[in-house]
Amino acid sequence: MKSDDSHPLEISQEVARAQRVPGDLDATQRQPYTIPSTRRRRTAAVVYMIGAAIGAGSVLVGLPAGMFVIVAAMVVVAIWHLASAWRIEILDPEALETANRATEFAVGHASGAVGFDGWRARPIWNVLVFSADEPPSQRGLVRVDAVDGHVVEMYTEDVASSQ
């Protein structure tokens, strides 16, 4: 059976209600997407520090001294969580705009996804860009720092040369 990609799958509202389709699966809803904050890592760091304090206190009241290895590991993980709690200042519209300015061609379609780079997990936008002509003659990847907005690296190529 051949599928027809020109017609998207649509479910009537009556069927969706009858089948209790969750609202987050409704493709017709257009809500802004928010990226989970990496600042939540600070909360994790506090939890690890509390665990380390409880472990150290337990050793002082009679548990084996070998527990200090676990306490030290928990402190190291807490410090890493604090060091990697970057604040994402650049959101996707700004990252797409920065990528558009960075390329040498007029950008038509573009898509961005946030990733993390390095041992401190610095947030980086990976923006795929395609030229505005139809069909696109050029494409590229622009990596935009999500903390301060500078272009980390960029790669562009002709579409015809890659086939």
Foldseek 3Di string as FASTA:
>chain_A
DDDDPVDDDDDDPVVCVVVVPDPVPDPVDDDDDDDPALLCLLVVLVVLQVVLVVLVVVVVVPDDPVSVVVSVVSNVSSVLSVLLRAGQPADDVLLVVLVCVPDPAHWQDKDWDWFFDDSSGFIKIWMWTFHNDVPTQKIKTWIFGRRPGDTPDMDMDTPVVVD
